[in-house]
Amino acid sequence: RAQVNFDRPHAIDWARAEQVLLDCR
């Protein structure tokens, strides 16, 4: 876990984030 690069966008669960934003809208 400590070796993961958390400063690259692929570290994010984008599908989940987009669904939450769509729910918000």
PDBML (XML) file of the C-alpha atoms, coordinates in Angstrom:
<?xml version="1.0" encoding="UTF-8" ?>
<PDBx:datablock datablockName="MODEL"
   xmlns:PDBx="http://pdbml.pdb.org/schema/pdbx-v50.xsd"
   xmlns:xsi="http://www.w3.org/2001/XMLSchema-instance"
   xsi:schemaLocation="http://pdbml.pdb.org/schema/pdbx-v50.xsd pdbx-v50.xsd">
   <PDBx:atom_siteCategory>
      <PDBx:atom_site id="1">
         <PDBx:B_iso_or_equiv>0.00</PDBx:B_iso_or_equiv>
         <PDBx:Cartn_x>0.000</PDBx:Cartn_x>
         <PDBx:Cartn_y>0.000</PDBx:Cartn_y>
         <PDBx:Cartn_z>0.000</PDBx:Cartn_z>
         <PDBx:auth_asym_id>A</PDBx:auth_asym_id>
         <PDBx:auth_atom_id>CA</PDBx:auth_atom_id>
         <PDBx:auth_comp_id>ARG</PDBx:auth_comp_id>
         <PDBx:auth_seq_id>1</PDBx:auth_seq_id>
         <PDBx:group_PDB>ATOM</PDBx:group_PDB>
         <PDBx:label_alt_id xsi:nil="true" />
         <PDBx:label_asym_id>A</PDBx:label_asym_id>
         <PDBx:label_atom_id>CA</PDBx:label_atom_id>
         <PDBx:label_comp_id>ARG</PDBx:label_comp_id>
         <PDBx:label_entity_id>1</PDBx:label_entity_id>
         <PDBx:label_seq_id>1</PDBx:label_seq_id>
         <PDBx:occupancy>1.00</PDBx:occupancy>
         <PDBx:pdbx_PDB_model_num>1</PDBx:pdbx_PDB_model_num>
         <PDBx:type_symbol>C</PDBx:type_symbol>
      </PDBx:atom_site>
      <PDBx:atom_site id="2">
         <PDBx:B_iso_or_equiv>0.00</PDBx:B_iso_or_equiv>
         <PDBx:Cartn_x>2.803</PDBx:Cartn_x>
         <PDBx:Cartn_y>2.395</PDBx:Cartn_y>
         <PDBx:Cartn_z>0.879</PDBx:Cartn_z>
         <PDBx:auth_asym_id>A</PDBx:auth_asym_id>
         <PDBx:auth_atom_id>CA</PDBx:auth_atom_id>
         <PDBx:auth_comp_id>ALA</PDBx:auth_comp_id>
         <PDBx:auth_seq_id>2</PDBx:auth_seq_id>
         <PDBx:group_PDB>ATOM</PDBx:group_PDB>
         <PDBx:label_alt_id xsi:nil="true" />
         <PDBx:label_asym_id>A</PDBx:label_asym_id>
         <PDBx:label_atom_id>CA</PDBx:label_atom_id>
         <PDBx:label_comp_id>ALA</PDBx:label_comp_id>
         <PDBx:label_entity_id>1</PDBx:label_entity_id>
         <PDBx:label_seq_id>2</PDBx:label_seq_id>
         <PDBx:occupancy>1.00</PDBx:occupancy>
         <PDBx:pdbx_PDB_model_num>1</PDBx:pdbx_PDB_model_num>
         <PDBx:type_symbol>C</PDBx:type_symbol>
      </PDBx:atom_site>
      <PDBx:atom_site id="3">
         <PDBx:B_iso_or_equiv>0.00</PDBx:B_iso_or_equiv>
         <PDBx:Cartn_x>4.286</PDBx:Cartn_x>
         <PDBx:Cartn_y>1.941</PDBx:Cartn_y>
         <PDBx:Cartn_z>-2.606</PDBx:Cartn_z>
         <PDBx:auth_asym_id>A</PDBx:auth_asym_id>
         <PDBx:auth_atom_id>CA</PDBx:auth_atom_id>
         <PDBx:auth_comp_id>GLN</PDBx:auth_comp_id>
         <PDBx:auth_seq_id>3</PDBx:auth_seq_id>
         <PDBx:group_PDB>ATOM</PDBx:group_PDB>
         <PDBx:label_alt_id xsi:nil="true" />
         <PDBx:label_asym_id>A</PDBx:label_asym_id>
         <PDBx:label_atom_id>CA</PDBx:label_atom_id>
         <PDBx:label_comp_id>GLN</PDBx:label_comp_id>
         <PDBx:label_entity_id>1</PDBx:label_entity_id>
         <PDBx:label_seq_id>3</PDBx:label_seq_id>
         <PDBx:occupancy>1.00</PDBx:occupancy>
         <PDBx:pdbx_PDB_model_num>1</PDBx:pdbx_PDB_model_num>
         <PDBx:type_symbol>C</PDBx:type_symbol>
      </PDBx:atom_site>
      <PDBx:atom_site id="4">
         <PDBx:B_iso_or_equiv>0.00</PDBx:B_iso_or_equiv>
         <PDBx:Cartn_x>1.151</PDBx:Cartn_x>
         <PDBx:Cartn_y>3.061</PDBx:Cartn_y>
         <PDBx:Cartn_z>-4.476</PDBx:Cartn_z>
         <PDBx:auth_asym_id>A</PDBx:auth_asym_id>
         <PDBx:auth_atom_id>CA</PDBx:auth_atom_id>
         <PDBx:auth_comp_id>VAL</PDBx:auth_comp_id>
         <PDBx:auth_seq_id>4</PDBx:auth_seq_id>
         <PDBx:group_PDB>ATOM</PDBx:group_PDB>
         <PDBx:label_alt_id xsi:nil="true" />
         <PDBx:label_asym_id>A</PDBx:label_asym_id>
         <PDBx:label_atom_id>CA</PDBx:label_atom_id>
         <PDBx:label_comp_id>VAL</PDBx:label_comp_id>
         <PDBx:label_entity_id>1</PDBx:label_entity_id>
         <PDBx:label_seq_id>4</PDBx:label_seq_id>
         <PDBx:occupancy>1.00</PDBx:occupancy>
         <PDBx:pdbx_PDB_model_num>1</PDBx:pdbx_PDB_model_num>
         <PDBx:type_symbol>C</PDBx:type_symbol>
      </PDBx:atom_site>
      <PDBx:atom_site id="5">
         <PDBx:B_iso_or_equiv>0.00</PDBx:B_iso_or_equiv>
         <PDBx:Cartn_x>1.477</PDBx:Cartn_x>
         <PDBx:Cartn_y>6.454</PDBx:Cartn_y>
         <PDBx:Cartn_z>-6.189</PDBx:Cartn_z>
         <PDBx:auth_asym_id>A</PDBx:auth_asym_id>
         <PDBx:auth_atom_id>CA</PDBx:auth_atom_id>
         <PDBx:auth_comp_id>ASN</PDBx:auth_comp_id>
         <PDBx:auth_seq_id>5</PDBx:auth_seq_id>
         <PDBx:group_PDB>ATOM</PDBx:group_PDB>
         <PDBx:label_alt_id xsi:nil="true" />
         <PDBx:label_asym_id>A</PDBx:label_asym_id>
         <PDBx:label_atom_id>CA</PDBx:label_atom_id>
         <PDBx:label_comp_id>ASN</PDBx:label_comp_id>
         <PDBx:label_entity_id>1</PDBx:label_entity_id>
         <PDBx:label_seq_id>5</PDBx:label_seq_id>
         <PDBx:occupancy>1.00</PDBx:occupancy>
         <PDBx:pdbx_PDB_model_num>1</PDBx:pdbx_PDB_model_num>
         <PDBx:type_symbol>C</PDBx:type_symbol>
      </PDBx:atom_site>
      <PDBx:atom_site id="6">
         <PDBx:B_iso_or_equiv>0.00</PDBx:B_iso_or_equiv>
         <PDBx:Cartn_x>-1.535</PDBx:Cartn_x>
         <PDBx:Cartn_y>8.311</PDBx:Cartn_y>
         <PDBx:Cartn_z>-4.795</PDBx:Cartn_z>
         <PDBx:auth_asym_id>A</PDBx:auth_asym_id>
         <PDBx:auth_atom_id>CA</PDBx:auth_atom_id>
         <PDBx:auth_comp_id>PHE</PDBx:auth_comp_id>
         <PDBx:auth_seq_id>6</PDBx:auth_seq_id>
         <PDBx:group_PDB>ATOM</PDBx:group_PDB>
         <PDBx:label_alt_id xsi:nil="true" />
         <PDBx:label_asym_id>A</PDBx:label_asym_id>
         <PDBx:label_atom_id>CA</PDBx:label_atom_id>
         <PDBx:label_comp_id>PHE</PDBx:label_comp_id>
         <PDBx:label_entity_id>1</PDBx:label_entity_id>
         <PDBx:label_seq_id>6</PDBx:label_seq_id>
         <PDBx:occupancy>1.00</PDBx:occupancy>
         <PDBx:pdbx_PDB_model_num>1</PDBx:pdbx_PDB_model_num>
         <PDBx:type_symbol>C</PDBx:type_symbol>
      </PDBx:atom_site>
      <PDBx:atom_site id="7">
         <PDBx:B_iso_or_equiv>0.00</PDBx:B_iso_or_equiv>
         <PDBx:Cartn_x>-0.645</PDBx:Cartn_x>
         <PDBx:Cartn_y>11.432</PDBx:Cartn_y>
         <PDBx:Cartn_z>-6.778</PDBx:Cartn_z>
         <PDBx:auth_asym_id>A</PDBx:auth_asym_id>
         <PDBx:auth_atom_id>CA</PDBx:auth_atom_id>
         <PDBx:auth_comp_id>ASP</PDBx:auth_comp_id>
         <PDBx:auth_seq_id>7</PDBx:auth_seq_id>
         <PDBx:group_PDB>ATOM</PDBx:group_PDB>
         <PDBx:label_alt_id xsi:nil="true" />
         <PDBx:label_asym_id>A</PDBx:label_asym_id>
         <PDBx:label_atom_id>CA</PDBx:label_atom_id>
         <PDBx:label_comp_id>ASP</PDBx:label_comp_id>
         <PDBx:label_entity_id>1</PDBx:label_entity_id>
         <PDBx:label_seq_id>7</PDBx:label_seq_id>
         <PDBx:occupancy>1.00</PDBx:occupancy>
         <PDBx:pdbx_PDB_model_num>1</PDBx:pdbx_PDB_model_num>
         <PDBx:type_symbol>C</PDBx:type_symbol>
      </PDBx:atom_site>
      <PDBx:atom_site id="8">
         <PDBx:B_iso_or_equiv>0.00</PDBx:B_iso_or_equiv>
         <PDBx:Cartn_x>-1.729</PDBx:Cartn_x>
         <PDBx:Cartn_y>9.932</PDBx:Cartn_y>
         <PDBx:Cartn_z>-10.104</PDBx:Cartn_z>
         <PDBx:auth_asym_id>A</PDBx:auth_asym_id>
         <PDBx:auth_atom_id>CA</PDBx:auth_atom_id>
         <PDBx:auth_comp_id>ARG</PDBx:auth_comp_id>
         <PDBx:auth_seq_id>8</PDBx:auth_seq_id>
         <PDBx:group_PDB>ATOM</PDBx:group_PDB>
         <PDBx:label_alt_id xsi:nil="true" />
         <PDBx:label_asym_id>A</PDBx:label_asym_id>
         <PDBx:label_atom_id>CA</PDBx:label_atom_id>
         <PDBx:label_comp_id>ARG</PDBx:label_comp_id>
         <PDBx:label_entity_id>1</PDBx:label_entity_id>
         <PDBx:label_seq_id>8</PDBx:label_seq_id>
         <PDBx:occupancy>1.00</PDBx:occupancy>
         <PDBx:pdbx_PDB_model_num>1</PDBx:pdbx_PDB_model_num>
         <PDBx:type_symbol>C</PDBx:type_symbol>
      </PDBx:atom_site>
      <PDBx:atom_site id="9">
         <PDBx:B_iso_or_equiv>0.00</PDBx:B_iso_or_equiv>
         <PDBx:Cartn_x>-5.378</PDBx:Cartn_x>
         <PDBx:Cartn_y>10.190</PDBx:Cartn_y>
         <PDBx:Cartn_z>-11.224</PDBx:Cartn_z>
         <PDBx:auth_asym_id>A</PDBx:auth_asym_id>
         <PDBx:auth_atom_id>CA</PDBx:auth_atom_id>
         <PDBx:auth_comp_id>PRO</PDBx:auth_comp_id>
         <PDBx:auth_seq_id>9</PDBx:auth_seq_id>
         <PDBx:group_PDB>ATOM</PDBx:group_PDB>
         <PDBx:label_alt_id xsi:nil="true" />
         <PDBx:label_asym_id>A</PDBx:label_asym_id>
         <PDBx:label_atom_id>CA</PDBx:label_atom_id>
         <PDBx:label_comp_id>PRO</PDBx:label_comp_id>
         <PDBx:label_entity_id>1</PDBx:label_entity_id>
         <PDBx:label_seq_id>9</PDBx:label_seq_id>
         <PDBx:occupancy>1.00</PDBx:occupancy>
         <PDBx:pdbx_PDB_model_num>1</PDBx:pdbx_PDB_model_num>
         <PDBx:type_symbol>C</PDBx:type_symbol>
      </PDBx:atom_site>
      <PDBx:atom_site id="10">
         <PDBx:B_iso_or_equiv>0.00</PDBx:B_iso_or_equiv>
         <PDBx:Cartn_x>-5.753</PDBx:Cartn_x>
         <PDBx:Cartn_y>6.438</PDBx:Cartn_y>
         <PDBx:Cartn_z>-11.688</PDBx:Cartn_z>
         <PDBx:auth_asym_id>A</PDBx:auth_asym_id>
         <PDBx:auth_atom_id>CA</PDBx:auth_atom_id>
         <PDBx:auth_comp_id>HIS</PDBx:auth_comp_id>
         <PDBx:auth_seq_id>10</PDBx:auth_seq_id>
         <PDBx:group_PDB>ATOM</PDBx:group_PDB>
         <PDBx:label_alt_id xsi:nil="true" />
         <PDBx:label_asym_id>A</PDBx:label_asym_id>
         <PDBx:label_atom_id>CA</PDBx:label_atom_id>
         <PDBx:label_comp_id>HIS</PDBx:label_comp_id>
         <PDBx:label_entity_id>1</PDBx:label_entity_id>
         <PDBx:label_seq_id>10</PDBx:label_seq_id>
         <PDBx:occupancy>1.00</PDBx:occupancy>
         <PDBx:pdbx_PDB_model_num>1</PDBx:pdbx_PDB_model_num>
         <PDBx:type_symbol>C</PDBx:type_symbol>
      </PDBx:atom_site>
      <PDBx:atom_site id="11">
         <PDBx:B_iso_or_equiv>0.00</PDBx:B_iso_or_equiv>
         <PDBx:Cartn_x>-5.730</PDBx:Cartn_x>
         <PDBx:Cartn_y>6.106</PDBx:Cartn_y>
         <PDBx:Cartn_z>-7.879</PDBx:Cartn_z>
         <PDBx:auth_asym_id>A</PDBx:auth_asym_id>
         <PDBx:auth_atom_id>CA</PDBx:auth_atom_id>
         <PDBx:auth_comp_id>ALA</PDBx:auth_comp_id>
         <PDBx:auth_seq_id>11</PDBx:auth_seq_id>
         <PDBx:group_PDB>ATOM</PDBx:group_PDB>
         <PDBx:label_alt_id xsi:nil="true" />
         <PDBx:label_asym_id>A</PDBx:label_asym_id>
         <PDBx:label_atom_id>CA</PDBx:label_atom_id>
         <PDBx:label_comp_id>ALA</PDBx:label_comp_id>
         <PDBx:label_entity_id>1</PDBx:label_entity_id>
         <PDBx:label_seq_id>11</PDBx:label_seq_id>
         <PDBx:occupancy>1.00</PDBx:occupancy>
         <PDBx:pdbx_PDB_model_num>1</PDBx:pdbx_PDB_model_num>
         <PDBx:type_symbol>C</PDBx:type_symbol>
      </PDBx:atom_site>
      <PDBx:atom_site id="12">
         <PDBx:B_iso_or_equiv>0.00</PDBx:B_iso_or_equiv>
         <PDBx:Cartn_x>-9.319</PDBx:Cartn_x>
         <PDBx:Cartn_y>7.427</PDBx:Cartn_y>
         <PDBx:Cartn_z>-7.886</PDBx:Cartn_z>
         <PDBx:auth_asym_id>A</PDBx:auth_asym_id>
         <PDBx:auth_atom_id>CA</PDBx:auth_atom_id>
         <PDBx:auth_comp_id>ILE</PDBx:auth_comp_id>
         <PDBx:auth_seq_id>12</PDBx:auth_seq_id>
         <PDBx:group_PDB>ATOM</PDBx:group_PDB>
         <PDBx:label_alt_id xsi:nil="true" />
         <PDBx:label_asym_id>A</PDBx:label_asym_id>
         <PDBx:label_atom_id>CA</PDBx:label_atom_id>
         <PDBx:label_comp_id>ILE</PDBx:label_comp_id>
         <PDBx:label_entity_id>1</PDBx:label_entity_id>
         <PDBx:label_seq_id>12</PDBx:label_seq_id>
         <PDBx:occupancy>1.00</PDBx:occupancy>
         <PDBx:pdbx_PDB_model_num>1</PDBx:pdbx_PDB_model_num>
         <PDBx:type_symbol>C</PDBx:type_symbol>
      </PDBx:atom_site>
      <PDBx:atom_site id="13">
         <PDBx:B_iso_or_equiv>0.00</PDBx:B_iso_or_equiv>
         <PDBx:Cartn_x>-12.484</PDBx:Cartn_x>
         <PDBx:Cartn_y>5.358</PDBx:Cartn_y>
         <PDBx:Cartn_z>-8.357</PDBx:Cartn_z>
         <PDBx:auth_asym_id>A</PDBx:auth_asym_id>
         <PDBx:auth_atom_id>CA</PDBx:auth_atom_id>
         <PDBx:auth_comp_id>ASP</PDBx:auth_comp_id>
         <PDBx:auth_seq_id>13</PDBx:auth_seq_id>
         <PDBx:group_PDB>ATOM</PDBx:group_PDB>
         <PDBx:label_alt_id xsi:nil="true" />
         <PDBx:label_asym_id>A</PDBx:label_asym_id>
         <PDBx:label_atom_id>CA</PDBx:label_atom_id>
         <PDBx:label_comp_id>ASP</PDBx:label_comp_id>
         <PDBx:label_entity_id>1</PDBx:label_entity_id>
         <PDBx:label_seq_id>13</PDBx:label_seq_id>
         <PDBx:occupancy>1.00</PDBx:occupancy>
         <PDBx:pdbx_PDB_model_num>1</PDBx:pdbx_PDB_model_num>
         <PDBx:type_symbol>C</PDBx:type_symbol>
      </PDBx:atom_site>
      <PDBx:atom_site id="14">
         <PDBx:B_iso_or_equiv>0.00</PDBx:B_iso_or_equiv>
         <PDBx:Cartn_x>-13.770</PDBx:Cartn_x>
         <PDBx:Cartn_y>7.602</PDBx:Cartn_y>
         <PDBx:Cartn_z>-11.147</PDBx:Cartn_z>
         <PDBx:auth_asym_id>A</PDBx:auth_asym_id>
         <PDBx:auth_atom_id>CA</PDBx:auth_atom_id>
         <PDBx:auth_comp_id>TRP</PDBx:auth_comp_id>
         <PDBx:auth_seq_id>14</PDBx:auth_seq_id>
         <PDBx:group_PDB>ATOM</PDBx:group_PDB>
         <PDBx:label_alt_id xsi:nil="true" />
         <PDBx:label_asym_id>A</PDBx:label_asym_id>
         <PDBx:label_atom_id>CA</PDBx:label_atom_id>
         <PDBx:label_comp_id>TRP</PDBx:label_comp_id>
         <PDBx:label_entity_id>1</PDBx:label_entity_id>
         <PDBx:label_seq_id>14</PDBx:label_seq_id>
         <PDBx:occupancy>1.00</PDBx:occupancy>
         <PDBx:pdbx_PDB_model_num>1</PDBx:pdbx_PDB_model_num>
         <PDBx:type_symbol>C</PDBx:type_symbol>
      </PDBx:atom_site>
      <PDBx:atom_site id="15">
         <PDBx:B_iso_or_equiv>0.00</PDBx:B_iso_or_equiv>
         <PDBx:Cartn_x>-16.888</PDBx:Cartn_x>
         <PDBx:Cartn_y>5.581</PDBx:Cartn_y>
         <PDBx:Cartn_z>-11.916</PDBx:Cartn_z>
         <PDBx:auth_asym_id>A</PDBx:auth_asym_id>
         <PDBx:auth_atom_id>CA</PDBx:auth_atom_id>
         <PDBx:auth_comp_id>ALA</PDBx:auth_comp_id>
         <PDBx:auth_seq_id>15</PDBx:auth_seq_id>
         <PDBx:group_PDB>ATOM</PDBx:group_PDB>
         <PDBx:label_alt_id xsi:nil="true" />
         <PDBx:label_asym_id>A</PDBx:label_asym_id>
         <PDBx:label_atom_id>CA</PDBx:label_atom_id>
         <PDBx:label_comp_id>ALA</PDBx:label_comp_id>
         <PDBx:label_entity_id>1</PDBx:label_entity_id>
         <PDBx:label_seq_id>15</PDBx:label_seq_id>
         <PDBx:occupancy>1.00</PDBx:occupancy>
         <PDBx:pdbx_PDB_model_num>1</PDBx:pdbx_PDB_model_num>
         <PDBx:type_symbol>C</PDBx:type_symbol>
      </PDBx:atom_site>
      <PDBx:atom_site id="16">
         <PDBx:B_iso_or_equiv>0.00</PDBx:B_iso_or_equiv>
         <PDBx:Cartn_x>-18.063</PDBx:Cartn_x>
         <PDBx:Cartn_y>5.961</PDBx:Cartn_y>
         <PDBx:Cartn_z>-8.322</PDBx:Cartn_z>
         <PDBx:auth_asym_id>A</PDBx:auth_asym_id>
         <PDBx:auth_atom_id>CA</PDBx:auth_atom_id>
         <PDBx:auth_comp_id>ARG</PDBx:auth_comp_id>
         <PDBx:auth_seq_id>16</PDBx:auth_seq_id>
         <PDBx:group_PDB>ATOM</PDBx:group_PDB>
         <PDBx:label_alt_id xsi:nil="true" />
         <PDBx:label_asym_id>A</PDBx:label_asym_id>
         <PDBx:label_atom_id>CA</PDBx:label_atom_id>
         <PDBx:label_comp_id>ARG</PDBx:label_comp_id>
         <PDBx:label_entity_id>1</PDBx:label_entity_id>
         <PDBx:label_seq_id>16</PDBx:label_seq_id>
         <PDBx:occupancy>1.00</PDBx:occupancy>
         <PDBx:pdbx_PDB_model_num>1</PDBx:pdbx_PDB_model_num>
         <PDBx:type_symbol>C</PDBx:type_symbol>
      </PDBx:atom_site>
      <PDBx:atom_site id="17">
         <PDBx:B_iso_or_equiv>0.00</PDBx:B_iso_or_equiv>
         <PDBx:Cartn_x>-17.177</PDBx:Cartn_x>
         <PDBx:Cartn_y>9.661</PDBx:Cartn_y>
         <PDBx:Cartn_z>-8.228</PDBx:Cartn_z>
         <PDBx:auth_asym_id>A</PDBx:auth_asym_id>
         <PDBx:auth_atom_id>CA</PDBx:auth_atom_id>
         <PDBx:auth_comp_id>ALA</PDBx:auth_comp_id>
         <PDBx:auth_seq_id>17</PDBx:auth_seq_id>
         <PDBx:group_PDB>ATOM</PDBx:group_PDB>
         <PDBx:label_alt_id xsi:nil="true" />
         <PDBx:label_asym_id>A</PDBx:label_asym_id>
         <PDBx:label_atom_id>CA</PDBx:label_atom_id>
         <PDBx:label_comp_id>ALA</PDBx:label_comp_id>
         <PDBx:label_entity_id>1</PDBx:label_entity_id>
         <PDBx:label_seq_id>17</PDBx:label_seq_id>
         <PDBx:occupancy>1.00</PDBx:occupancy>
         <PDBx:pdbx_PDB_model_num>1</PDBx:pdbx_PDB_model_num>
         <PDBx:type_symbol>C</PDBx:type_symbol>
      </PDBx:atom_site>
      <PDBx:atom_site id="18">
         <PDBx:B_iso_or_equiv>0.00</PDBx:B_iso_or_equiv>
         <PDBx:Cartn_x>-19.063</PDBx:Cartn_x>
         <PDBx:Cartn_y>10.389</PDBx:Cartn_y>
         <PDBx:Cartn_z>-11.442</PDBx:Cartn_z>
         <PDBx:auth_asym_id>A</PDBx:auth_asym_id>
         <PDBx:auth_atom_id>CA</PDBx:auth_atom_id>
         <PDBx:auth_comp_id>GLU</PDBx:auth_comp_id>
         <PDBx:auth_seq_id>18</PDBx:auth_seq_id>
         <PDBx:group_PDB>ATOM</PDBx:group_PDB>
         <PDBx:label_alt_id xsi:nil="true" />
         <PDBx:label_asym_id>A</PDBx:label_asym_id>
         <PDBx:label_atom_id>CA</PDBx:label_atom_id>
         <PDBx:label_comp_id>GLU</PDBx:label_comp_id>
         <PDBx:label_entity_id>1</PDBx:label_entity_id>
         <PDBx:label_seq_id>18</PDBx:label_seq_id>
         <PDBx:occupancy>1.00</PDBx:occupancy>
         <PDBx:pdbx_PDB_model_num>1</PDBx:pdbx_PDB_model_num>
         <PDBx:type_symbol>C</PDBx:type_symbol>
      </PDBx:atom_site>
      <PDBx:atom_site id="19">
         <PDBx:B_iso_or_equiv>0.00</PDBx:B_iso_or_equiv>
         <PDBx:Cartn_x>-22.143</PDBx:Cartn_x>
         <PDBx:Cartn_y>8.511</PDBx:Cartn_y>
         <PDBx:Cartn_z>-10.232</PDBx:Cartn_z>
         <PDBx:auth_asym_id>A</PDBx:auth_asym_id>
         <PDBx:auth_atom_id>CA</PDBx:auth_atom_id>
         <PDBx:auth_comp_id>GLN</PDBx:auth_comp_id>
         <PDBx:auth_seq_id>19</PDBx:auth_seq_id>
         <PDBx:group_PDB>ATOM</PDBx:group_PDB>
         <PDBx:label_alt_id xsi:nil="true" />
         <PDBx:label_asym_id>A</PDBx:label_asym_id>
         <PDBx:label_atom_id>CA</PDBx:label_atom_id>
         <PDBx:label_comp_id>GLN</PDBx:label_comp_id>
         <PDBx:label_entity_id>1</PDBx:label_entity_id>
         <PDBx:label_seq_id>19</PDBx:label_seq_id>
         <PDBx:occupancy>1.00</PDBx:occupancy>
         <PDBx:pdbx_PDB_model_num>1</PDBx:pdbx_PDB_model_num>
         <PDBx:type_symbol>C</PDBx:type_symbol>
      </PDBx:atom_site>
      <PDBx:atom_site id="20">
         <PDBx:B_iso_or_equiv>0.00</PDBx:B_iso_or_equiv>
         <PDBx:Cartn_x>-22.230</PDBx:Cartn_x>
         <PDBx:Cartn_y>10.529</PDBx:Cartn_y>
         <PDBx:Cartn_z>-7.011</PDBx:Cartn_z>
         <PDBx:auth_asym_id>A</PDBx:auth_asym_id>
         <PDBx:auth_atom_id>CA</PDBx:auth_atom_id>
         <PDBx:auth_comp_id>VAL</PDBx:auth_comp_id>
         <PDBx:auth_seq_id>20</PDBx:auth_seq_id>
         <PDBx:group_PDB>ATOM</PDBx:group_PDB>
         <PDBx:label_alt_id xsi:nil="true" />
         <PDBx:label_asym_id>A</PDBx:label_asym_id>
         <PDBx:label_atom_id>CA</PDBx:label_atom_id>
         <PDBx:label_comp_id>VAL</PDBx:label_comp_id>
         <PDBx:label_entity_id>1</PDBx:label_entity_id>
         <PDBx:label_seq_id>20</PDBx:label_seq_id>
         <PDBx:occupancy>1.00</PDBx:occupancy>
         <PDBx:pdbx_PDB_model_num>1</PDBx:pdbx_PDB_model_num>
         <PDBx:type_symbol>C</PDBx:type_symbol>
      </PDBx:atom_site>
      <PDBx:atom_site id="21">
         <PDBx:B_iso_or_equiv>0.00</PDBx:B_iso_or_equiv>
         <PDBx:Cartn_x>-21.919</PDBx:Cartn_x>
         <PDBx:Cartn_y>13.802</PDBx:Cartn_y>
         <PDBx:Cartn_z>-8.964</PDBx:Cartn_z>
         <PDBx:auth_asym_id>A</PDBx:auth_asym_id>
         <PDBx:auth_atom_id>CA</PDBx:auth_atom_id>
         <PDBx:auth_comp_id>LEU</PDBx:auth_comp_id>
         <PDBx:auth_seq_id>21</PDBx:auth_seq_id>
         <PDBx:group_PDB>ATOM</PDBx:group_PDB>
         <PDBx:label_alt_id xsi:nil="true" />
         <PDBx:label_asym_id>A</PDBx:label_asym_id>
         <PDBx:label_atom_id>CA</PDBx:label_atom_id>
         <PDBx:label_comp_id>LEU</PDBx:label_comp_id>
         <PDBx:label_entity_id>1</PDBx:label_entity_id>
         <PDBx:label_seq_id>21</PDBx:label_seq_id>
         <PDBx:occupancy>1.00</PDBx:occupancy>
         <PDBx:pdbx_PDB_model_num>1</PDBx:pdbx_PDB_model_num>
         <PDBx:type_symbol>C</PDBx:type_symbol>
      </PDBx:atom_site>
      <PDBx:atom_site id="22">
         <PDBx:B_iso_or_equiv>0.00</PDBx:B_iso_or_equiv>
         <PDBx:Cartn_x>-24.708</PDBx:Cartn_x>
         <PDBx:Cartn_y>12.726</PDBx:Cartn_y>
         <PDBx:Cartn_z>-11.313</PDBx:Cartn_z>
         <PDBx:auth_asym_id>A</PDBx:auth_asym_id>
         <PDBx:auth_atom_id>CA</PDBx:auth_atom_id>
         <PDBx:auth_comp_id>LEU</PDBx:auth_comp_id>
         <PDBx:auth_seq_id>22</PDBx:auth_seq_id>
         <PDBx:group_PDB>ATOM</PDBx:group_PDB>
         <PDBx:label_alt_id xsi:nil="true" />
         <PDBx:label_asym_id>A</PDBx:label_asym_id>
         <PDBx:label_atom_id>CA</PDBx:label_atom_id>
         <PDBx:label_comp_id>LEU</PDBx:label_comp_id>
         <PDBx:label_entity_id>1</PDBx:label_entity_id>
         <PDBx:label_seq_id>22</PDBx:label_seq_id>
         <PDBx:occupancy>1.00</PDBx:occupancy>
         <PDBx:pdbx_PDB_model_num>1</PDBx:pdbx_PDB_model_num>
         <PDBx:type_symbol>C</PDBx:type_symbol>
      </PDBx:atom_site>
      <PDBx:atom_site id="23">
         <PDBx:B_iso_or_equiv>0.00</PDBx:B_iso_or_equiv>
         <PDBx:Cartn_x>-26.869</PDBx:Cartn_x>
         <PDBx:Cartn_y>11.962</PDBx:Cartn_y>
         <PDBx:Cartn_z>-8.290</PDBx:Cartn_z>
         <PDBx:auth_asym_id>A</PDBx:auth_asym_id>
         <PDBx:auth_atom_id>CA</PDBx:auth_atom_id>
         <PDBx:auth_comp_id>ASP</PDBx:auth_comp_id>
         <PDBx:auth_seq_id>23</PDBx:auth_seq_id>
         <PDBx:group_PDB>ATOM</PDBx:group_PDB>
         <PDBx:label_alt_id xsi:nil="true" />
         <PDBx:label_asym_id>A</PDBx:label_asym_id>
         <PDBx:label_atom_id>CA</PDBx:label_atom_id>
         <PDBx:label_comp_id>ASP</PDBx:label_comp_id>
         <PDBx:label_entity_id>1</PDBx:label_entity_id>
         <PDBx:label_seq_id>23</PDBx:label_seq_id>
         <PDBx:occupancy>1.00</PDBx:occupancy>
         <PDBx:pdbx_PDB_model_num>1</PDBx:pdbx_PDB_model_num>
         <PDBx:type_symbol>C</PDBx:type_symbol>
      </PDBx:atom_site>
      <PDBx:atom_site id="24">
         <PDBx:B_iso_or_equiv>0.00</PDBx:B_iso_or_equiv>
         <PDBx:Cartn_x>-26.073</PDBx:Cartn_x>
         <PDBx:Cartn_y>15.425</PDBx:Cartn_y>
         <PDBx:Cartn_z>-6.961</PDBx:Cartn_z>
         <PDBx:auth_asym_id>A</PDBx:auth_asym_id>
         <PDBx:auth_atom_id>CA</PDBx:auth_atom_id>
         <PDBx:auth_comp_id>CYS</PDBx:auth_comp_id>
         <PDBx:auth_seq_id>24</PDBx:auth_seq_id>
         <PDBx:group_PDB>ATOM</PDBx:group_PDB>
         <PDBx:label_alt_id xsi:nil="true" />
         <PDBx:label_asym_id>A</PDBx:label_asym_id>
         <PDBx:label_atom_id>CA</PDBx:label_atom_id>
         <PDBx:label_comp_id>CYS</PDBx:label_comp_id>
         <PDBx:label_entity_id>1</PDBx:label_entity_id>
         <PDBx:label_seq_id>24</PDBx:label_seq_id>
         <PDBx:occupancy>1.00</PDBx:occupancy>
         <PDBx:pdbx_PDB_model_num>1</PDBx:pdbx_PDB_model_num>
         <PDBx:type_symbol>C</PDBx:type_symbol>
      </PDBx:atom_site>
      <PDBx:atom_site id="25">
         <PDBx:B_iso_or_equiv>0.00</PDBx:B_iso_or_equiv>
         <PDBx:Cartn_x>-27.082</PDBx:Cartn_x>
         <PDBx:Cartn_y>17.130</PDBx:Cartn_y>
         <PDBx:Cartn_z>-10.180</PDBx:Cartn_z>
         <PDBx:auth_asym_id>A</PDBx:auth_asym_id>
         <PDBx:auth_atom_id>CA</PDBx:auth_atom_id>
         <PDBx:auth_comp_id>ARG</PDBx:auth_comp_id>
         <PDBx:auth_seq_id>25</PDBx:auth_seq_id>
         <PDBx:group_PDB>ATOM</PDBx:group_PDB>
         <PDBx:label_alt_id xsi:nil="true" />
         <PDBx:label_asym_id>A</PDBx:label_asym_id>
         <PDBx:label_atom_id>CA</PDBx:label_atom_id>
         <PDBx:label_comp_id>ARG</PDBx:label_comp_id>
         <PDBx:label_entity_id>1</PDBx:label_entity_id>
         <PDBx:label_seq_id>25</PDBx:label_seq_id>
         <PDBx:occupancy>1.00</PDBx:occupancy>
         <PDBx:pdbx_PDB_model_num>1</PDBx:pdbx_PDB_model_num>
         <PDBx:type_symbol>C</PDBx:type_symbol>
      </PDBx:atom_site>
   </PDBx:atom_siteCategory>
</PDBx:datablock>
